[in-house]
């Protein structure tokens, strides 16, 4: 059973998340020859104040 973790910044709509998990499931089904029911996807929404690039919090970028 493939388990996929997706870490992304908060703020994406439910519709976009539906599209993402649908496309990812389809790709895993095709590439690993498993049934869709076997694919697990866990979405981790990260607050922008919990993610930084080059020492700058994403929440503090302009």
N, C-alpha and C. Protein backbone atom coordinates (compact mmCIF):
# COMPACT_ATOMS: atom_id res chain seq x y z
N UNK A 1 0.84 -1.18 0.00
CA UNK A 1 0.00 0.00 0.00
C UNK A 1 0.89 1.24 0.00
N UNK A 2 0.91 1.99 -1.11
CA UNK A 2 1.69 3.22 -1.16
C UNK A 2 1.08 4.29 -0.24
N UNK A 3 1.94 4.94 0.51
CA UNK A 3 1.51 6.06 1.36
C UNK A 3 2.34 7.27 0.96
N UNK A 4 1.65 8.33 0.57
CA UNK A 4 2.31 9.55 0.09
C UNK A 4 2.03 10.68 1.07
N UNK A 5 3.07 11.37 1.48
CA UNK A 5 2.93 12.55 2.34
C UNK A 5 3.23 13.78 1.48
N UNK A 6 2.33 14.74 1.52
CA UNK A 6 2.52 15.99 0.78
C UNK A 6 2.56 17.13 1.79
N UNK A 7 3.68 17.83 1.82
CA UNK A 7 3.83 19.00 2.69
C UNK A 7 3.71 20.24 1.81
N UNK A 8 2.79 21.13 2.17
CA UNK A 8 2.61 22.34 1.39
C UNK A 8 2.15 23.47 2.30
N UNK A 9 2.39 24.68 1.84
CA UNK A 9 1.96 25.83 2.62
C UNK A 9 0.44 25.93 2.62
N UNK A 10 -0.10 26.38 3.72
CA UNK A 10 -1.54 26.53 3.88
C UNK A 10 -2.11 27.49 2.85
N UNK A 11 -3.41 27.38 2.62
CA UNK A 11 -4.08 28.37 1.80
C UNK A 11 -4.69 27.84 0.51
N UNK A 12 -4.44 26.58 0.17
CA UNK A 12 -5.03 26.03 -1.06
C UNK A 12 -6.46 25.60 -0.79
N UNK A 13 -7.29 25.76 -1.80
CA UNK A 13 -8.71 25.44 -1.65
C UNK A 13 -8.93 23.92 -1.63
N UNK A 14 -10.10 23.55 -1.14
CA UNK A 14 -10.50 22.15 -1.12
C UNK A 14 -10.55 21.60 -2.54
N UNK A 15 -10.99 22.41 -3.49
CA UNK A 15 -11.05 21.96 -4.89
C UNK A 15 -9.65 21.64 -5.43
N UNK A 16 -8.68 22.47 -5.13
CA UNK A 16 -7.31 22.20 -5.57
C UNK A 16 -6.75 20.94 -4.93
N UNK A 17 -7.07 20.73 -3.67
CA UNK A 17 -6.62 19.51 -2.99
C UNK A 17 -7.26 18.27 -3.61
N UNK A 18 -8.52 18.36 -3.97
CA UNK A 18 -9.19 17.24 -4.65
C UNK A 18 -8.49 16.91 -5.96
N UNK A 19 -8.17 17.95 -6.74
CA UNK A 19 -7.47 17.75 -8.01
C UNK A 19 -6.11 17.10 -7.78
N UNK A 20 -5.40 17.56 -6.79
CA UNK A 20 -4.08 17.03 -6.49
C UNK A 20 -4.14 15.55 -6.14
N UNK A 21 -5.01 15.19 -5.19
CA UNK A 21 -5.05 13.78 -4.77
C UNK A 21 -5.57 12.88 -5.89
N UNK A 22 -6.45 13.39 -6.73
CA UNK A 22 -6.92 12.61 -7.87
C UNK A 22 -5.81 12.32 -8.85
N UNK A 23 -5.04 13.36 -9.19
CA UNK A 23 -3.94 13.21 -10.13
C UNK A 23 -2.83 12.32 -9.56
N UNK A 24 -2.54 12.49 -8.28
CA UNK A 24 -1.49 11.67 -7.66
C UNK A 24 -1.92 10.21 -7.60
N UNK A 25 -3.17 9.98 -7.25
CA UNK A 25 -3.66 8.60 -7.19
C UNK A 25 -3.56 7.95 -8.56
N UNK A 26 -3.97 8.66 -9.58
CA UNK A 26 -3.91 8.14 -10.95
C UNK A 26 -2.47 7.80 -11.34
N UNK A 27 -1.53 8.67 -11.00
CA UNK A 27 -0.13 8.42 -11.33
C UNK A 27 0.42 7.19 -10.61
N UNK A 28 0.06 7.03 -9.35
CA UNK A 28 0.55 5.89 -8.58
C UNK A 28 -0.07 4.59 -9.10
N UNK A 29 -1.36 4.63 -9.42
CA UNK A 29 -2.03 3.45 -9.97
C UNK A 29 -1.34 3.00 -11.26
N UNK A 30 -1.04 3.95 -12.14
CA UNK A 30 -0.41 3.62 -13.41
C UNK A 30 1.03 3.15 -13.24
N UNK A 31 1.78 3.80 -12.39
CA UNK A 31 3.20 3.49 -12.29
C UNK A 31 3.51 2.27 -11.41
N UNK A 32 2.67 2.00 -10.41
CA UNK A 32 2.93 0.88 -9.50
C UNK A 32 1.98 -0.30 -9.69
N UNK A 33 1.04 -0.15 -10.62
CA UNK A 33 0.07 -1.23 -10.90
C UNK A 33 -0.67 -1.68 -9.64
N UNK A 34 -1.19 -0.70 -8.91
CA UNK A 34 -2.02 -0.98 -7.74
C UNK A 34 -3.42 -0.44 -7.98
N UNK A 35 -4.36 -0.87 -7.17
CA UNK A 35 -5.72 -0.36 -7.26
C UNK A 35 -5.80 0.99 -6.54
N UNK A 36 -6.69 1.86 -6.99
CA UNK A 36 -6.83 3.16 -6.32
C UNK A 36 -7.11 3.04 -4.82
N UNK A 37 -7.83 1.99 -4.44
CA UNK A 37 -8.17 1.80 -3.03
C UNK A 37 -6.93 1.56 -2.16
N UNK A 38 -5.82 1.20 -2.78
CA UNK A 38 -4.60 0.92 -2.03
C UNK A 38 -3.78 2.17 -1.77
N UNK A 39 -4.07 3.25 -2.47
CA UNK A 39 -3.26 4.46 -2.38
C UNK A 39 -3.73 5.33 -1.21
N UNK A 40 -2.79 5.71 -0.38
CA UNK A 40 -3.07 6.61 0.74
C UNK A 40 -2.30 7.89 0.54
N UNK A 41 -2.96 9.03 0.72
CA UNK A 41 -2.30 10.33 0.59
C UNK A 41 -2.62 11.15 1.84
N UNK A 42 -1.58 11.67 2.45
CA UNK A 42 -1.73 12.49 3.65
C UNK A 42 -1.25 13.90 3.31
N UNK A 43 -2.13 14.87 3.45
CA UNK A 43 -1.79 16.27 3.17
C UNK A 43 -1.43 16.96 4.47
N UNK A 44 -0.28 17.60 4.47
CA UNK A 44 0.18 18.35 5.64
C UNK A 44 0.19 19.83 5.26
N UNK A 45 -0.77 20.60 5.75
CA UNK A 45 -0.78 22.04 5.52
C UNK A 45 0.12 22.69 6.57
N UNK A 46 1.10 23.43 6.10
CA UNK A 46 2.02 24.10 7.02
C UNK A 46 1.68 25.57 7.10
N UNK A 47 1.64 26.08 8.31
CA UNK A 47 1.46 27.51 8.50
C UNK A 47 2.69 28.23 7.96
N UNK A 48 2.49 29.38 7.36
CA UNK A 48 3.59 30.12 6.75
C UNK A 48 4.62 30.58 7.78
N UNK A 49 4.24 30.60 9.05
CA UNK A 49 5.22 30.97 10.07
C UNK A 49 5.98 29.76 10.58
N UNK A 50 5.76 28.58 9.97
CA UNK A 50 6.50 27.37 10.32
C UNK A 50 7.39 26.90 9.17
N UNK A 51 7.67 27.77 8.21
CA UNK A 51 8.47 27.40 7.04
C UNK A 51 9.36 28.59 6.68
N UNK A 52 10.63 28.29 6.45
CA UNK A 52 11.57 29.37 6.13
C UNK A 52 12.50 28.96 4.99
N UNK A 53 12.92 29.96 4.24
CA UNK A 53 13.93 29.77 3.20
C UNK A 53 15.02 30.81 3.44
N UNK A 54 16.25 30.36 3.49
CA UNK A 54 17.40 31.25 3.68
C UNK A 54 17.26 32.12 4.93
N UNK A 55 16.71 31.55 5.98
CA UNK A 55 16.61 32.26 7.25
C UNK A 55 15.47 33.23 7.36
N UNK A 56 14.55 33.23 6.39
CA UNK A 56 13.41 34.15 6.42
C UNK A 56 12.12 33.34 6.43
N UNK A 57 11.28 33.61 7.43
CA UNK A 57 10.00 32.92 7.49
C UNK A 57 9.15 33.28 6.30
N UNK A 58 8.45 32.30 5.78
CA UNK A 58 7.57 32.54 4.63
C UNK A 58 6.51 33.60 4.96
N UNK A 59 6.05 33.63 6.20
CA UNK A 59 5.04 34.61 6.63
C UNK A 59 5.58 36.04 6.62
N UNK A 60 6.90 36.21 6.60
CA UNK A 60 7.49 37.54 6.64
C UNK A 60 7.95 38.01 5.26
N UNK A 61 7.77 37.20 4.25
CA UNK A 61 8.13 37.62 2.89
C UNK A 61 7.08 38.56 2.35
N UNK A 62 7.52 39.47 1.50
CA UNK A 62 6.59 40.45 0.94
C UNK A 62 6.12 40.03 -0.41
